[in-house]
Protein backbone atom coordinates (compact mmCIF):
# COMPACT_ATOMS: atom_id res chain seq x y z
CA MET A 1 -5.63 1.24 24.25
CA ASP A 2 -2.83 -1.00 25.57
CA SER A 3 -4.70 -4.31 25.99
CA ARG A 4 -5.17 -4.97 22.24
CA PRO A 5 -2.71 -4.50 19.38
CA LEU A 6 -2.56 -0.92 18.13
CA ILE A 7 -2.95 -0.81 14.35
CA LEU A 8 -2.31 2.29 12.22
CA VAL A 9 -4.36 2.26 9.01
CA THR A 10 -3.67 4.52 6.05
CA ASN A 11 -4.01 4.50 2.24
CA ASP A 12 -3.38 6.56 -0.89
CA ASP A 13 -6.91 6.68 -2.33
CA GLY A 14 -8.13 9.32 0.10
CA ILE A 15 -10.32 9.45 3.17
CA LYS A 16 -13.53 8.53 1.30
CA ALA A 17 -12.19 5.45 -0.51
CA PRO A 18 -14.31 2.30 -0.03
CA GLY A 19 -11.11 0.25 0.24
CA LEU A 20 -9.99 2.26 3.26
CA ARG A 21 -13.40 1.83 4.89
CA ARG A 22 -13.26 -1.93 4.35
CA LEU A 23 -9.74 -2.18 5.79
CA ILE A 24 -10.69 -0.16 8.87
CA GLU A 25 -13.67 -2.44 9.43
CA ILE A 26 -11.50 -5.55 9.21
CA MET A 27 -8.70 -4.19 11.40
CA ARG A 28 -11.12 -3.19 14.16
CA LYS A 29 -11.84 -6.91 14.59
CA LEU A 30 -8.15 -7.46 15.36
CA GLY A 31 -7.12 -4.51 17.49
CA ASP A 32 -7.48 -0.86 18.39
CA VAL A 33 -7.25 1.28 15.28
CA VAL A 34 -6.02 4.76 14.45
CA ALA A 35 -6.82 5.67 10.84
CA ILE A 36 -4.92 8.53 9.23
CA SER A 37 -5.78 9.28 5.61
CA SER A 38 -5.32 12.12 3.16
CA GLU A 39 -8.05 14.53 2.14
CA GLN A 40 -7.07 14.17 -1.51
CA VAL A 41 -6.27 11.11 -3.59
CA MET A 42 -2.51 10.48 -3.38
CA SER A 43 -2.23 7.62 -5.86
CA GLY A 44 1.12 7.58 -7.66
CA MET A 45 2.77 9.85 -5.08
CA ALA A 46 5.29 7.14 -4.15
CA HIS A 47 7.43 8.15 -1.15
CA ALA A 48 6.74 11.89 -1.38
CA VAL A 49 6.86 13.94 1.82
CA THR A 50 5.45 17.41 2.47
CA ILE A 51 8.19 19.90 3.30
CA GLN A 52 7.01 23.24 1.88
CA THR A 53 3.63 23.53 3.59
CA PRO A 54 2.55 22.71 7.16
CA LEU A 55 0.71 19.48 7.90
CA MET A 56 -2.70 20.06 9.43
CA PRO A 57 -4.35 16.88 10.74
CA ARG A 58 -7.98 17.01 11.86
CA LEU A 59 -9.56 14.54 14.26
CA LEU A 60 -12.81 13.27 12.74
CA LYS A 61 -13.74 10.48 15.18
CA ASP A 62 -12.66 9.63 18.71
CA GLN A 63 -14.27 6.49 20.08
CA GLU A 64 -13.27 3.67 22.38
CA GLY A 65 -10.60 1.77 20.47
CA TYR A 66 -10.90 3.90 17.34
CA GLN A 67 -9.65 7.29 16.18
CA GLU A 68 -9.78 8.73 12.69
CA TYR A 69 -7.79 11.65 11.29
CA VAL A 70 -7.70 13.38 7.92
CA THR A 71 -4.63 15.28 6.76
CA ASN A 72 -3.37 17.36 3.86
CA GLY A 73 -0.26 15.18 3.64
CA THR A 74 0.87 12.14 1.71
CA PRO A 75 0.68 8.50 2.86
CA THR A 76 4.30 8.73 4.02
CA ASP A 77 3.49 11.90 5.95
CA ASN A 78 0.59 10.10 7.60
CA VAL A 79 2.80 7.34 8.96
CA LYS A 80 5.35 9.86 10.21
CA LEU A 81 2.65 11.99 11.86
CA GLY A 82 1.08 8.94 13.43
CA LYS A 83 4.27 7.68 14.98
CA HIS A 84 5.66 11.01 16.16
CA ARG A 85 2.56 13.04 17.07
CA LEU A 86 -0.89 11.49 16.81
CA LEU A 87 -0.48 8.09 18.48
CA ASP A 88 0.21 7.67 22.18
CA ARG A 89 2.59 4.79 21.50
CA THR A 90 4.35 3.08 18.60
CA PRO A 91 1.84 0.97 16.67
CA ASP A 92 2.19 -2.80 16.67
CA LEU A 93 1.32 -2.85 12.97
CA VAL A 94 0.83 -0.50 10.03
CA VAL A 95 -1.52 -1.53 7.24
CA SER A 96 -2.14 0.43 4.06
CA GLY A 97 -4.98 0.11 1.52
CA ILE A 98 -7.07 -1.54 0.42
CA ASN A 99 -5.78 0.01 -2.80
CA HIS A 100 -8.12 0.26 -5.77
CA GLY A 101 -5.92 -1.47 -8.33
CA SER A 102 -2.83 -3.64 -8.50
CA ASN A 103 0.42 -2.78 -6.79
CA ALA A 104 2.17 -5.89 -8.10
CA SER A 105 5.49 -5.88 -9.96
CA ILE A 106 6.83 -2.42 -10.95
CA ASN A 107 3.76 -0.64 -9.56
CA ILE A 108 5.34 -0.67 -6.11
CA ILE A 109 7.80 2.01 -7.28
CA TYR A 110 4.97 4.51 -7.86
CA SER A 111 2.60 3.41 -5.12
CA GLY A 112 1.65 5.69 -2.26
CA THR A 113 0.04 2.66 -0.63
CA MET A 114 3.33 0.82 -0.46
CA ALA A 115 5.33 3.95 0.39
CA ALA A 116 3.45 4.10 3.70
CA VAL A 117 4.35 0.46 4.33
CA LEU A 118 8.00 1.02 3.51
CA GLU A 119 8.09 4.08 5.76
CA ALA A 120 6.82 1.99 8.68
CA SER A 121 9.38 -0.69 7.91
CA ILE A 122 12.18 1.89 8.01
CA ASP A 123 11.07 2.64 11.56
CA GLY A 124 11.08 -1.05 12.48
CA ILE A 125 7.29 -1.40 12.55
CA PRO A 126 5.76 -4.51 10.91
CA ALA A 127 3.74 -3.35 7.92
CA ILE A 128 1.51 -4.72 5.16
CA GLY A 129 0.12 -3.15 2.01
CA PHE A 130 -3.14 -4.58 0.67
CA SER A 131 -4.32 -4.03 -2.90
CA LEU A 132 -7.29 -5.34 -4.86
CA CYS A 133 -6.71 -5.83 -8.59
CA ASP A 134 -9.81 -3.86 -9.49
CA TYR A 135 -9.50 -0.20 -10.47
CA MET A 136 -13.23 0.57 -10.37
CA PRO A 137 -14.50 3.06 -7.75
CA ASP A 138 -17.29 0.59 -6.89
CA ALA A 139 -14.94 -2.41 -6.64
CA ASP A 140 -16.32 -5.41 -4.77
CA PHE A 141 -14.35 -6.11 -1.57
CA SER A 142 -16.70 -8.80 -0.24
CA HIS A 143 -14.22 -11.67 -0.72
CA VAL A 144 -11.13 -10.17 0.92
CA GLU A 145 -11.78 -10.35 4.65
CA GLU A 146 -10.79 -13.94 5.44
CA TRP A 147 -7.49 -13.56 3.56
CA ILE A 148 -6.61 -10.20 5.06
CA ILE A 149 -7.34 -11.50 8.56
CA ARG A 150 -5.23 -14.62 7.97
CA ILE A 151 -2.21 -12.63 6.77
CA THR A 152 -2.57 -9.92 9.41
CA LYS A 153 -2.90 -12.36 12.30
CA LYS A 154 0.25 -14.16 11.23
CA VAL A 155 2.22 -10.91 11.15
CA LEU A 156 0.80 -9.76 14.49
CA ASN A 157 1.68 -13.09 16.09
CA GLU A 158 5.07 -13.73 14.47
CA GLY A 159 6.30 -10.32 13.32
CA LEU A 160 8.45 -9.77 10.24
CA PRO A 161 12.23 -9.85 9.70
CA LYS A 162 14.01 -6.56 10.24
CA GLY A 163 13.69 -4.30 7.21
CA VAL A 164 11.03 -6.47 5.52
CA CYS A 165 7.40 -5.57 4.83
CA LEU A 166 4.71 -7.24 2.72
CA ASN A 167 3.11 -6.29 -0.59
CA VAL A 168 -0.18 -8.22 -0.81
CA ASN A 169 -2.27 -8.21 -3.99
CA ILE A 170 -5.69 -9.84 -4.16
CA PRO A 171 -7.42 -10.87 -7.42
CA ARG A 172 -10.69 -9.17 -8.22
CA ILE A 173 -13.83 -11.13 -7.42
CA SER A 174 -14.92 -13.68 -10.00
CA ASP A 175 -16.96 -16.86 -10.34
CA GLU A 176 -13.81 -18.83 -9.50
CA PRO A 177 -12.87 -18.83 -5.79
CA ILE A 178 -9.40 -17.68 -4.82
CA LYS A 179 -7.08 -20.70 -4.82
CA GLY A 180 -4.87 -19.63 -1.94
CA ILE A 181 -1.83 -17.53 -1.11
CA LYS A 182 1.56 -17.64 -2.85
CA VAL A 183 4.72 -15.98 -1.56
CA CYS A 184 6.34 -14.66 -4.73
CA ARG A 185 9.07 -12.61 -6.29
CA GLN A 186 8.29 -9.27 -7.92
CA ALA A 187 7.81 -9.70 -11.67
CA GLU A 188 10.14 -7.84 -14.01
CA SER A 189 7.65 -5.67 -15.87
CA ARG A 190 7.11 -2.04 -16.77
CA TRP A 191 4.70 0.60 -17.92
CA VAL A 192 5.14 1.79 -21.50
CA GLU A 193 4.16 5.46 -21.29
CA GLU A 194 2.12 7.29 -23.89
CA PHE A 195 1.52 11.04 -23.65
CA GLU A 196 -1.64 12.08 -25.44
CA GLU A 197 -1.40 15.62 -26.80
CA ARG A 198 -4.48 17.81 -26.32
CA LYS A 199 -5.49 21.46 -26.56
CA ASP A 200 -7.20 23.48 -23.86
CA PRO A 201 -9.98 26.01 -24.72
CA TYR A 202 -7.31 28.69 -25.26
CA GLY A 203 -5.39 26.59 -27.78
CA ARG A 204 -2.55 25.76 -25.41
CA THR A 205 -0.97 22.33 -25.67
CA TYR A 206 -1.05 19.95 -22.75
CA TYR A 207 -0.32 16.25 -22.31
CA TRP A 208 -2.27 13.49 -20.58
CA LEU A 209 -0.26 10.53 -19.32
CA GLY A 210 -1.48 7.09 -20.31
CA GLY A 211 0.15 3.88 -21.37
CA ARG A 212 0.00 0.14 -21.18
CA PHE A 213 1.36 -2.43 -18.78
CA GLU A 214 3.93 -4.78 -20.28
CA ASN A 215 4.90 -7.97 -18.45
CA GLY A 216 7.70 -9.84 -20.18
CA ASP A 217 8.60 -11.96 -17.17
CA LYS A 218 7.85 -15.60 -17.97
CA ARG A 219 9.48 -17.02 -14.85
CA SER A 220 7.49 -19.04 -12.36
CA GLU A 221 6.75 -17.79 -8.86
CA THR A 222 6.17 -14.13 -9.79
CA ASP A 223 3.37 -12.02 -8.38
CA GLU A 224 1.87 -11.42 -11.83
CA LYS A 225 1.75 -15.16 -12.53
CA ALA A 226 0.16 -15.90 -9.18
CA LEU A 227 -2.52 -13.28 -9.73
CA ALA A 228 -3.21 -14.53 -13.25
CA GLU A 229 -3.84 -17.99 -11.75
CA ASN A 230 -6.23 -16.49 -9.15
CA TYR A 231 -3.89 -16.72 -6.17
CA ILE A 232 -3.20 -13.93 -3.72
CA SER A 233 0.39 -12.78 -4.16
CA VAL A 234 2.55 -11.88 -1.17
CA VAL A 235 5.90 -10.31 -1.98
CA PRO A 236 8.37 -9.68 0.88
CA VAL A 237 9.78 -6.20 0.22
CA GLN A 238 12.78 -4.33 1.61
CA PHE A 239 13.75 -0.67 1.46
CA ASP A 240 17.46 -1.39 0.92
CA PHE A 241 17.97 -0.70 -2.82
CA THR A 242 21.59 -1.86 -2.83
CA ALA A 243 22.52 -4.27 -5.62
CA HIS A 244 24.48 -6.36 -3.13
CA GLU A 245 25.86 -8.78 -5.71
CA GLN A 246 27.64 -5.85 -7.37
CA VAL A 247 29.39 -4.63 -4.25
CA GLY A 248 32.99 -5.81 -4.55
CA LYS A 249 32.66 -6.42 -8.29
CA MET A 250 32.71 -2.77 -9.37
CA ASN A 251 36.02 -0.93 -9.29
CA PHE A 252 36.56 2.72 -10.26
CA GLU A 253 40.22 3.03 -9.30
């Protein structure tokens, strides 16, 4: 498997997700692929790792240029397992997705899809997270291939700066063709949580998390604005959370 790029594919929607299947199909046109996905849906798990139970990967397929594993771990676990145990060499690229739903703006904080990408970036591996802004289980992925191939080829050919990975969000399919790709900043937005109170059959109170997305960022060149205008948004992301402009300004002496 050394003559073609080695691409590790993972996701947070589980092994059966149509988005994962579509991404595997696309990546196999570009290189040799090892897919490692979780048995359960891991959406919203962010950068969680499994430390209290053993990880038990199972090999589902072993073909020329393609292997597929399922695990009981998180997306971050899957990248770690791939690099340290399941792959015979460091992958040339890690891709995660295609997520069912947006990972633009603040969603990256909660996203298991993007946690896998950030984990790869920590290890110095170029990585891309792909999301489709359609939350439906039967989402239509028919329009994504040319864009995913374009972005992936560029990263395979040119790499990424140290510590930088990509958060790519694709508008859902519509009568209007996608206008192009915009490299953007992350919009300043948030989820306003609402906990609905309910009763179980025994009269015990429980709460179901819901809420609404609130985007108050009116600046140009944000991912939310690009998506609203039917562009694909690409946000360069780094795992360094330091507020660098504050270093040297704060003093606690």
